[in-house]
């Protein structure tokens, strides 16, 4: 009955962005399932899953395949986006579900392929025998060839819009919409606002690494908390030696930069290495020379 209903459905081509979104949703689901599964073993001995990780992952992906591709002819990401796989080998233009052979080969290519790649890496990673080295080189050559074919398939997909993955092209399965797509009622004001925000966010990502945030923060703090009228006498220096001018804690290995303020050695050294034009956040003095403090201040002065 399900097949008769499927034969009556007309197929609609899927946008490239929708197919790519479905692939990203599938990856996110796999990461979520794996993280939730591994969290169940936090109380066990560390590394308990390390020896059987490829097999455990293959078992989880097998369960996902059983309740997605095998039963619904669509992955989870495709189901969210109202997409299904169509048997593109059929001559009719009506919707045809995947055959059992296509579903089984999909399982072998996706789940079996990833399991074989991970397990072969574990088997041949520490083997130094000549025969194992030859097998490892052959496997690496095959993996590289598959990646090259995947790249070529992706370039063809960008041009023609069908078969987003190499597995889909080999098996002859194509993504189609399950139901006719209605016109999306999205206002231009909303679209312009989203485009403007994304452009602004990309500009900030490019600009922020070029800004010396530490120096800007110290400059603003020196404007907001100006301290004037400081002398260079020993009493004034001793009074300010009770805290570092950067971290505010008792100075560890106190050093001076030529002004009346004191800094921890690691605080002033790291800031000076980060910014060669570093200035004191309290008075704005430049670093003339980094000298250890010779005054002995006892901890009893804090009380």
Foldseek 3Di string as FASTA:
>chain_A
DVQVVQQPAFWAADFLVLVVQLVVVLVVVLVVVVVVVVVVCPVDDPPPCVVPVLVVSLVVVVVQLCVACVPPQHHPSQVVVQKHKAQQVDPDRGGGGDDPVLSVVVSCVPSVVVSVVVVLCVVLVPDDDPVSVVVVVVVVVVVVVLVVVQVVVCVVCVVPVWDNGPSCVVSRMTMTGNDDDDDDPDDPVVVVVVVVVVVVVVVCVVCVVVDPVVQVVLQVLCVVAEDDDQDQDPVLLLVQQCAAQPPRHNADQWKDQPDSHIHHPVVVVVVCVVPVQDARSHHRHGRPDIGGDPDDDDPVVVD
